[in-house]
Amino acid sequence: MYMMTMVVRYSSFLIVFVFLQNISFSKALKSSFSVEMIHRDSPKSPFYRPTETHFQRVENAILRSIHRANYFNLDSNDVEGTITPVSGEFLLNYSVGTPPVQILGIVDTGASFIWMQCQPCENCYKQDRPIFDPSTSRTYSSIPCVAAECLSGPNSFCNFNNRKHCAYKATYGDGSFSEGDFSWDTITLTSSTKNVPVAFPQTVIGCGHNNVGIFGKQSSGIVGIGNGPLSLANQLKPKTGGTFSYCLTPMYEGDAKPSYLHFGDLGEVVEGAVSTPLIINKVRPSMYFVVMEAISVGSKRIEFPGNVEYGNIFIDSGATMTYLPDEVYSSLEREMVNAVNLPRTNSPLKGLKLCYEITPGEEYHIPTVFAHFKGGGAVKLYSINTFLKVRETVICLAFRSGFQAIFGNLAQQDILVSYDTQQNTVTFLNTDCTSEL
């Protein structure tokens, strides 16, 4: 009896010990690190043109935003069909392969996976940096059609002409596309907090051999951090816990400070933030849709239309402006006209409608706009989120009407935006992003 008790206690001890070890191991697997995102107009960016004036950069950002909505086929007002390079707004340096080869990709919250140009290049766009050659990487391997990664990829299919390897094709609304092989290789990111490389073996990457369209020659492809199983954010989930965030510093207010993309524990938002559920949209499942219930200026609340079951607005790092349904935009513009005590002026730019004259050096008042999300919380949008200085004496409302609502990156400035793909929530916290790190 005594021996039996001892055995039971010993077995219980072993179970508890193994359980605690598993918890410890699980915690050990969790990584947290930050990487710098390079704004395309930063002097660190290969897109940077020192001869451009500040206001030329602002105008180009507006045009890129219109084009962005066009390639989602969402802009109801762009009758001219503006076409500018798919250059994105933020870039990320990372390395691929062993030995590592540095790649510069466009960070895109609307993209579901990672792809880059690869040799042999059947039909590639001109690229300033050398195109990645997978034959030089010891850790590169093609993904077979039967692999789970191939079966789960929304853009994947089996290429029977290429020894049954997994292939992909990504097509954009402007007619641009990339196609090639889905492959495994090591991705290495450099942590801004620790200044050390962080390697992630067997990451799924699209190796593009046929890439056609108006992609910018300065970048090598797309780093998708959207809500797809093969996005960078979701592939890092086993090590980061499925949490990531970014904090966008003011981009067009004097000297722009770096913005950072956080993975893991650093992506967790503190108390006082506004949290809302992420909604899976069947038409665009990789995009981060949420439900915006209303937008308000002062005491005037403007109700938001749309199918709340699939979300009625998506959060987009690649669009400069915020798009609203026609009736919401019209009401917001009307309330701004009532609230802003500045002289109206004609817009000097194609994409903006409501503009005011200002006197340099003099203070002026712009009312705070509240974005009300499902869950009861409201995010404060200050003048830096709602208006853009387009000339030395002119500011304009940085919103636009469209078929689909888009929460653009100007509206996200100085807001810590955190995504939890385990709990399916997104959280907003008004903060000073320039104080990060």
Protein backbone atom coordinates (compact mmCIF):
# COMPACT_ATOMS: atom_id res chain seq x y z
CA MET A 1 0.00 0.00 0.00
CA TYR A 2 2.84 2.33 0.92
CA MET A 3 4.66 1.44 -2.30
CA MET A 4 1.48 2.03 -4.33
CA THR A 5 1.04 5.46 -2.71
CA MET A 6 4.64 6.28 -3.51
CA VAL A 7 4.16 5.21 -7.15
CA VAL A 8 1.00 7.31 -7.46
CA ARG A 9 2.72 10.34 -5.91
CA TYR A 10 5.78 9.82 -8.10
CA SER A 11 3.59 9.52 -11.21
CA SER A 12 1.69 12.65 -10.21
CA PHE A 13 4.98 14.43 -9.68
CA LEU A 14 6.15 13.37 -13.13
CA ILE A 15 2.91 14.58 -14.74
CA VAL A 16 3.17 17.95 -12.98
CA PHE A 17 6.89 18.17 -13.80
CA VAL A 18 6.29 17.42 -17.49
CA PHE A 19 3.36 19.91 -17.52
CA LEU A 20 5.55 22.63 -16.01
CA GLN A 21 8.35 21.78 -18.40
CA ASN A 22 5.93 22.12 -21.31
CA ILE A 23 4.81 25.52 -20.04
CA SER A 24 8.42 26.54 -19.68
CA PHE A 25 9.26 25.26 -23.14
CA SER A 26 6.23 27.01 -24.59
CA LYS A 27 7.33 30.29 -23.01
CA ALA A 28 10.85 29.76 -24.26
CA LEU A 29 9.50 29.46 -27.78
CA LYS A 30 7.88 32.89 -27.61
CA SER A 31 10.04 35.58 -29.18
CA SER A 32 9.62 39.33 -29.07
CA PHE A 33 11.50 41.73 -31.27
CA SER A 34 11.03 44.86 -33.34
CA VAL A 35 12.13 45.76 -36.87
CA GLU A 36 12.27 49.18 -38.45
CA MET A 37 9.85 49.99 -41.23
CA ILE A 38 11.27 52.44 -43.75
CA HIS A 39 8.80 54.97 -45.08
CA ARG A 40 9.24 55.30 -48.83
CA ASP A 41 9.85 59.07 -48.52
CA SER A 42 12.54 58.64 -45.87
CA PRO A 43 16.17 59.40 -46.83
CA LYS A 44 16.83 55.74 -45.93
CA SER A 45 14.52 54.63 -48.74
CA PRO A 46 15.73 53.89 -52.29
CA PHE A 47 12.57 55.68 -53.49
CA TYR A 48 13.75 58.91 -51.87
CA ARG A 49 14.39 61.78 -54.28
CA PRO A 50 16.34 64.64 -52.73
CA THR A 51 15.20 67.00 -55.50
CA GLU A 52 11.53 66.56 -54.57
CA THR A 53 9.97 69.19 -52.36
CA HIS A 54 7.99 68.27 -49.26
CA PHE A 55 4.72 69.13 -50.98
CA GLN A 56 5.60 67.12 -54.08
CA ARG A 57 5.97 64.11 -51.77
CA VAL A 58 2.59 64.86 -50.22
CA GLU A 59 0.96 65.05 -53.66
CA ASN A 60 2.59 61.78 -54.74
CA ALA A 61 1.34 60.10 -51.56
CA ILE A 62 -2.22 61.18 -52.44
CA LEU A 63 -1.86 59.79 -55.96
CA ARG A 64 -0.45 56.51 -54.64
CA SER A 65 -3.39 56.25 -52.27
CA ILE A 66 -5.86 56.68 -55.14
CA HIS A 67 -4.00 54.05 -57.12
CA ARG A 68 -4.01 51.74 -54.10
CA ALA A 69 -7.80 51.94 -53.95
CA ASN A 70 -7.91 51.38 -57.71
CA TYR A 71 -6.00 48.13 -57.56
CA PHE A 72 -8.55 47.00 -54.97
CA ASN A 73 -11.18 48.40 -57.38
CA LEU A 74 -12.61 50.50 -54.56
CA ASP A 75 -12.31 54.14 -55.63
CA SER A 76 -15.66 55.42 -56.90
CA ASN A 77 -14.34 58.84 -57.91
CA ASP A 78 -11.18 58.25 -59.91
CA VAL A 79 -12.46 58.65 -63.45
CA GLU A 80 -8.95 59.23 -64.80
CA GLY A 81 -7.67 55.82 -63.70
CA THR A 82 -4.49 57.09 -62.05
CA ILE A 83 -1.58 54.69 -62.56
CA THR A 84 1.54 55.00 -60.43
CA PRO A 85 4.07 52.30 -59.44
CA VAL A 86 2.98 49.79 -56.82
CA SER A 87 5.68 51.09 -54.53
CA GLY A 88 3.92 50.80 -51.19
CA GLU A 89 4.35 53.16 -48.27
CA PHE A 90 6.63 51.15 -45.97
CA LEU A 91 9.60 48.94 -46.73
CA LEU A 92 11.31 46.20 -44.74
CA ASN A 93 14.88 44.94 -44.99
CA TYR A 94 15.19 41.21 -44.45
CA SER A 95 17.47 38.38 -45.58
CA VAL A 96 16.69 35.10 -47.31
CA GLY A 97 18.72 31.92 -47.58
CA THR A 98 21.98 30.48 -46.31
CA PRO A 99 24.24 32.37 -46.71
CA PRO A 100 21.75 35.23 -46.23
CA VAL A 101 20.98 37.56 -49.13
CA GLN A 102 19.47 40.95 -48.28
CA ILE A 103 16.04 41.67 -49.72
CA LEU A 104 14.00 44.88 -49.60
CA GLY A 105 10.26 44.21 -49.63
CA ILE A 106 7.10 46.30 -49.45
CA VAL A 107 5.24 45.79 -46.16
CA ASP A 108 1.56 45.23 -46.90
CA THR A 109 -1.22 44.54 -44.36
CA GLY A 110 -3.47 43.64 -47.30
CA ALA A 111 -1.21 40.89 -48.72
CA SER A 112 -1.55 37.25 -47.70
CA PHE A 113 2.01 35.97 -48.27
CA ILE A 114 5.63 36.89 -49.02
CA TRP A 115 7.05 36.91 -52.53
CA MET A 116 10.23 38.15 -54.15
CA GLN A 117 11.82 37.98 -57.60
CA CYS A 118 13.96 34.87 -58.19
CA GLN A 119 16.32 33.43 -60.76
CA PRO A 120 15.87 32.01 -63.32
CA CYS A 121 13.80 34.98 -64.36
CA GLU A 122 11.45 34.21 -67.22
CA ASN A 123 9.97 37.70 -67.23
CA CYS A 124 10.95 39.97 -64.36
CA TYR A 125 10.66 43.70 -63.87
CA LYS A 126 13.85 45.70 -63.62
CA GLN A 127 15.28 45.53 -60.10
CA ASP A 128 18.17 47.61 -58.75
CA ARG A 129 19.42 44.94 -56.34
CA PRO A 130 20.62 41.53 -57.55
CA ILE A 131 17.73 39.08 -58.02
CA PHE A 132 17.80 36.19 -55.53
CA ASP A 133 19.23 32.95 -56.91
CA PRO A 134 17.78 30.00 -54.94
CA SER A 135 20.50 27.64 -56.21
CA THR A 136 23.01 29.49 -54.00
CA SER A 137 21.05 28.86 -50.77
CA ARG A 138 21.76 25.68 -48.77
CA THR A 139 18.40 25.97 -46.98
CA TYR A 140 16.18 26.48 -50.03
CA SER A 141 13.74 23.75 -51.06
CA SER A 142 10.64 23.62 -53.22
CA ILE A 143 7.34 22.76 -51.54
CA PRO A 144 5.58 19.63 -52.81
CA CYS A 145 1.92 19.82 -53.78
CA VAL A 146 0.86 17.56 -50.91
CA ALA A 147 2.40 19.81 -48.23
CA ALA A 148 -0.04 21.48 -45.84
CA GLU A 149 1.36 24.89 -46.75
CA CYS A 150 0.45 24.34 -50.39
CA LEU A 151 -3.02 23.10 -49.57
CA SER A 152 -3.73 26.08 -47.27
CA GLY A 153 -2.43 28.85 -49.54
CA PRO A 154 -5.24 30.90 -51.16
CA ASN A 155 -3.02 31.68 -54.18
CA SER A 156 -1.38 28.25 -54.49
CA PHE A 157 -1.86 25.45 -57.01
CA CYS A 158 0.02 22.38 -58.20
CA ASN A 159 2.42 22.88 -61.09
CA PHE A 160 2.43 19.46 -62.78
CA ASN A 161 4.89 20.71 -65.40
CA ASN A 162 7.47 21.32 -62.70
CA ARG A 163 7.78 17.93 -60.97
CA LYS A 164 4.58 18.48 -58.98
CA HIS A 165 5.89 21.48 -57.08
CA CYS A 166 3.63 23.97 -55.38
CA ALA A 167 3.15 27.16 -57.40
CA TYR A 168 1.42 30.48 -56.81
CA LYS A 169 0.01 33.42 -58.72
CA ALA A 170 -0.85 36.84 -57.26
CA THR A 171 -2.88 39.18 -59.45
CA TYR A 172 -3.53 42.86 -58.67
CA GLY A 173 -6.39 45.07 -59.77
CA ASP A 174 -4.20 47.13 -62.10
CA GLY A 175 -3.22 44.02 -64.10
CA SER A 176 0.16 43.50 -62.41
CA PHE A 177 0.95 39.95 -61.33
CA SER A 178 3.62 37.69 -59.87
CA GLU A 179 3.86 33.95 -60.38
CA GLY A 180 6.40 31.31 -59.45
CA ASP A 181 7.12 28.58 -56.90
CA PHE A 182 6.16 28.35 -53.27
CA SER A 183 9.34 27.42 -51.43
CA TRP A 184 10.86 26.94 -47.99
CA ASP A 185 13.88 28.94 -46.91
CA THR A 186 15.28 30.77 -43.89
CA ILE A 187 14.20 34.36 -43.37
CA THR A 188 16.36 36.53 -41.14
CA LEU A 189 15.18 39.79 -39.57
CA THR A 190 17.39 42.19 -37.62
CA SER A 191 15.96 43.15 -34.24
CA SER A 192 16.00 46.91 -33.69
CA THR A 193 15.79 46.43 -29.91
CA LYS A 194 18.69 44.01 -29.62
CA ASN A 195 20.52 44.71 -32.90
CA VAL A 196 20.91 40.99 -33.50
CA PRO A 197 19.68 38.80 -36.37
CA VAL A 198 16.62 36.64 -35.68
CA ALA A 199 16.38 33.63 -38.03
CA PHE A 200 13.18 31.76 -38.94
CA PRO A 201 13.93 28.49 -40.80
CA GLN A 202 11.52 26.92 -43.26
CA THR A 203 9.48 30.04 -43.91
CA VAL A 204 7.18 29.82 -46.93
CA ILE A 205 8.21 32.31 -49.60
CA GLY A 206 6.93 32.88 -53.10
CA CYS A 207 9.87 32.70 -55.50
CA GLY A 208 8.64 34.74 -58.44
CA HIS A 209 9.98 33.83 -61.89
CA ASN A 210 7.37 35.76 -63.88
CA ASN A 211 6.56 39.20 -62.48
CA VAL A 212 4.87 41.73 -64.72
CA GLY A 213 3.46 45.17 -64.01
CA ILE A 214 4.26 48.56 -62.57
CA PHE A 215 6.31 47.40 -59.59
CA GLY A 216 9.07 49.77 -58.49
CA LYS A 217 12.60 48.71 -59.46
CA GLN A 218 13.82 49.73 -56.00
CA SER A 219 12.12 46.82 -54.21
CA SER A 220 12.26 43.04 -54.61
CA GLY A 221 8.65 42.09 -53.89
CA ILE A 222 6.00 42.05 -51.16
CA VAL A 223 6.15 41.19 -47.45
CA GLY A 224 2.56 40.30 -46.68
CA ILE A 225 1.51 40.70 -43.04
CA GLY A 226 -2.18 40.25 -43.81
CA ASN A 227 -4.53 37.73 -42.22
CA GLY A 228 -3.58 34.77 -44.43
CA PRO A 229 -1.97 31.51 -43.23
CA LEU A 230 1.23 32.21 -45.18
CA SER A 231 1.70 35.87 -44.26
CA LEU A 232 4.85 36.72 -42.31
CA ALA A 233 2.79 37.53 -39.22
CA ASN A 234 0.98 34.19 -39.22
CA GLN A 235 4.07 32.13 -40.07
CA LEU A 236 5.84 33.60 -37.04
CA LYS A 237 2.85 32.79 -34.80
CA PRO A 238 4.40 29.65 -33.19
CA LYS A 239 7.29 31.77 -31.93
CA THR A 240 5.59 35.11 -31.32
CA GLY A 241 2.18 34.01 -30.04
CA GLY A 242 0.29 35.51 -32.97
CA THR A 243 0.60 39.10 -31.76
CA PHE A 244 2.16 41.96 -33.70
CA SER A 245 1.78 45.72 -33.81
CA TYR A 246 3.13 48.87 -35.38
CA CYS A 247 3.27 52.51 -34.39
CA LEU A 248 3.40 54.95 -37.31
CA THR A 249 5.21 58.19 -36.60
CA PRO A 250 3.98 61.38 -38.32
CA MET A 251 5.17 61.10 -41.91
CA TYR A 252 4.61 64.60 -43.23
CA GLU A 253 5.29 66.73 -40.15
CA GLY A 254 8.91 67.94 -40.25
CA ASP A 255 11.65 65.33 -39.91
CA ALA A 256 9.96 61.92 -39.80
CA LYS A 257 11.17 59.52 -37.11
CA PRO A 258 11.40 55.75 -37.70
CA SER A 259 8.30 53.58 -37.38
CA TYR A 260 8.59 50.05 -35.97
CA LEU A 261 6.90 46.72 -36.53
CA HIS A 262 6.74 44.70 -33.30
CA PHE A 263 6.30 40.94 -33.00
CA GLY A 264 5.48 38.98 -29.85
CA ASP A 265 5.23 40.45 -26.36
CA LEU A 266 6.12 43.94 -27.55
CA GLY A 267 2.93 43.84 -29.61
CA GLU A 268 0.72 43.58 -26.52
CA VAL A 269 -1.19 46.78 -25.81
CA VAL A 270 -1.56 48.26 -22.31
CA GLU A 271 -4.76 49.03 -20.45
CA GLY A 272 -6.78 51.96 -21.76
CA ALA A 273 -6.72 50.91 -25.40
CA VAL A 274 -9.77 50.37 -27.62
CA SER A 275 -10.25 46.76 -28.72
CA THR A 276 -12.56 45.48 -31.46
CA PRO A 277 -13.07 42.07 -33.10
CA LEU A 278 -11.35 41.17 -36.36
CA ILE A 279 -13.90 40.05 -38.94
CA ILE A 280 -13.18 37.47 -41.64
CA ASN A 281 -14.37 38.91 -44.93
CA LYS A 282 -15.14 36.17 -47.47
CA VAL A 283 -14.33 38.37 -50.45
CA ARG A 284 -11.01 39.64 -49.06
CA PRO A 285 -10.08 37.14 -46.32
CA SER A 286 -6.47 38.29 -45.95
CA MET A 287 -7.41 41.88 -45.05
CA TYR A 288 -8.03 43.10 -41.52
CA PHE A 289 -11.70 44.00 -41.51
CA VAL A 290 -13.43 45.46 -38.47
CA VAL A 291 -16.82 47.04 -37.78
CA MET A 292 -16.92 50.82 -37.44
CA GLU A 293 -20.28 51.68 -35.95
CA ALA A 294 -20.07 55.45 -36.37
CA ILE A 295 -17.80 58.45 -36.76
CA SER A 296 -18.49 61.63 -34.82
CA VAL A 297 -17.49 65.28 -34.75
CA GLY A 298 -18.46 67.07 -31.56
CA SER A 299 -21.99 65.99 -30.63
CA LYS A 300 -22.83 64.90 -34.19
CA ARG A 301 -22.71 61.12 -34.62
CA ILE A 302 -22.66 59.77 -38.17
CA GLU A 303 -23.80 56.16 -38.34
CA PHE A 304 -21.79 53.79 -40.52
CA PRO A 305 -23.57 51.59 -43.10
CA GLY A 306 -22.36 48.25 -44.39
CA ASN A 307 -22.67 44.54 -43.77
CA VAL A 308 -21.37 44.18 -40.23
CA GLU A 309 -21.25 40.39 -40.58
CA TYR A 310 -18.25 40.70 -42.92
CA GLY A 311 -16.88 43.98 -41.57
CA ASN A 312 -17.45 47.40 -43.10
CA ILE A 313 -13.93 48.90 -43.07
CA PHE A 314 -10.45 47.43 -43.34
CA ILE A 315 -7.21 48.66 -41.81
CA ASP A 316 -4.55 49.33 -44.44
CA SER A 317 -0.92 50.39 -44.01
CA GLY A 318 -0.53 50.86 -47.76
CA ALA A 319 -3.14 53.58 -48.29
CA THR A 320 -2.34 57.15 -47.26
CA MET A 321 -5.90 58.46 -47.14
CA THR A 322 -8.93 57.11 -45.36
CA TYR A 323 -11.89 56.13 -47.53
CA LEU A 324 -15.47 56.38 -46.31
CA PRO A 325 -18.82 55.43 -47.90
CA ASP A 326 -20.24 58.33 -49.90
CA GLU A 327 -22.97 59.27 -47.42
CA VAL A 328 -20.58 59.09 -44.44
CA TYR A 329 -17.97 61.21 -46.19
CA SER A 330 -20.57 63.82 -47.19
CA SER A 331 -21.83 64.06 -43.59
CA LEU A 332 -18.30 64.28 -42.19
CA GLU A 333 -17.39 67.02 -44.65
CA ARG A 334 -20.53 68.94 -43.74
CA GLU A 335 -19.77 68.72 -40.01
CA MET A 336 -16.18 69.85 -40.59
CA VAL A 337 -17.44 72.87 -42.53
CA ASN A 338 -19.63 73.76 -39.54
CA ALA A 339 -16.84 73.22 -36.99
CA VAL A 340 -13.71 74.65 -38.63
CA ASN A 341 -13.42 78.43 -38.43
CA LEU A 342 -10.96 78.99 -41.27
CA PRO A 343 -11.39 80.46 -44.77
CA ARG A 344 -12.24 77.86 -47.41
CA THR A 345 -10.05 77.57 -50.49
CA ASN A 346 -9.94 75.46 -53.62
CA SER A 347 -7.96 72.25 -53.43
CA PRO A 348 -4.58 72.43 -55.19
CA LEU A 349 -4.54 68.62 -55.49
CA LYS A 350 -6.74 66.29 -57.50
CA GLY A 351 -7.64 63.86 -54.74
CA LEU A 352 -8.78 66.20 -51.94
CA LYS A 353 -11.96 68.27 -51.70
CA LEU A 354 -12.26 70.19 -48.43
CA CYS A 355 -9.39 72.65 -47.97
CA TYR A 356 -8.68 75.69 -45.78
CA GLU A 357 -6.26 78.58 -45.76
CA ILE A 358 -3.92 78.85 -42.79
CA THR A 359 -1.35 81.44 -41.75
CA PRO A 360 2.09 79.90 -41.10
CA GLY A 361 3.06 80.18 -37.44
CA GLU A 362 -0.47 80.85 -36.23
CA GLU A 363 -2.45 78.25 -34.28
CA TYR A 364 -5.79 77.01 -35.56
CA HIS A 365 -8.41 74.64 -34.20
CA ILE A 366 -9.40 71.35 -35.81
CA PRO A 367 -12.07 69.36 -33.94
CA THR A 368 -11.24 65.87 -32.73
CA VAL A 369 -12.97 63.13 -34.69
CA PHE A 370 -14.03 59.96 -32.88
CA ALA A 371 -14.05 56.61 -34.69
CA HIS A 372 -16.50 54.32 -32.88
CA PHE A 373 -15.73 50.62 -33.27
CA LYS A 374 -17.73 47.55 -32.37
CA GLY A 375 -17.17 46.76 -28.71
CA GLY A 376 -18.02 50.22 -27.43
CA GLY A 377 -14.69 51.96 -27.80
CA ALA A 378 -13.86 55.15 -29.67
CA VAL A 379 -10.46 56.06 -31.10
CA LYS A 380 -9.54 59.74 -31.08
CA LEU A 381 -8.42 61.13 -34.42
CA TYR A 382 -6.60 64.42 -33.99
CA SER A 383 -5.74 66.93 -36.71
CA ILE A 384 -2.62 64.91 -37.60
CA ASN A 385 -4.95 62.00 -38.47
CA THR A 386 -7.60 63.97 -40.35
CA PHE A 387 -5.90 66.89 -42.15
CA LEU A 388 -2.84 67.10 -44.37
CA LYS A 389 -0.77 70.19 -45.07
CA VAL A 390 -0.56 70.30 -48.88
CA ARG A 391 0.88 73.79 -49.30
CA GLU A 392 2.56 76.21 -46.92
CA THR A 393 -0.78 77.99 -46.46
CA VAL A 394 -3.28 75.20 -47.25
CA ILE A 395 -4.55 72.19 -45.28
CA CYS A 396 -7.02 69.63 -46.64
CA LEU A 397 -9.21 66.90 -45.19
CA ALA A 398 -7.33 63.63 -45.83
CA PHE A 399 -10.49 61.59 -46.39
CA ARG A 400 -12.14 60.49 -49.61
CA SER A 401 -15.34 58.73 -50.57
CA GLY A 402 -15.25 55.27 -52.14
CA PHE A 403 -17.02 51.96 -52.69
CA GLN A 404 -15.31 50.40 -49.66
CA ALA A 405 -14.17 52.02 -46.42
CA ILE A 406 -10.40 51.96 -45.77
CA PHE A 407 -8.69 53.10 -42.56
CA GLY A 408 -5.53 54.58 -44.07
CA ASN A 409 -2.09 55.17 -42.58
CA LEU A 410 -2.50 58.91 -41.97
CA ALA A 411 -5.44 58.10 -39.71
CA GLN A 412 -3.20 55.61 -37.89
CA GLN A 413 -0.37 58.05 -37.12
CA ASP A 414 0.55 58.24 -33.42
CA ILE A 415 -1.68 55.24 -32.70
CA LEU A 416 -0.27 51.91 -31.56
CA VAL A 417 -2.21 49.39 -33.65
CA SER A 418 -1.98 45.84 -32.30
CA TYR A 419 -3.24 42.67 -33.97
CA ASP A 420 -3.92 39.46 -32.04
CA THR A 421 -4.52 36.67 -34.53
CA GLN A 422 -5.09 34.15 -31.73
CA GLN A 423 -7.94 36.10 -30.12
CA ASN A 424 -8.95 37.74 -33.44
CA THR A 425 -8.89 41.30 -32.14
CA VAL A 426 -7.28 44.56 -33.14
CA THR A 427 -6.50 47.19 -30.53
CA PHE A 428 -5.85 50.93 -30.87
CA LEU A 429 -4.00 53.10 -28.38
CA ASN A 430 -3.38 56.81 -28.90
CA THR A 431 0.31 57.31 -28.14
CA ASP A 432 3.43 59.23 -29.10
CA CYS A 433 5.04 56.89 -31.63
CA THR A 434 8.22 58.98 -31.80
CA SER A 435 9.01 57.94 -28.20
CA GLU A 436 9.23 54.24 -29.11
CA LEU A 437 12.43 52.29 -28.51
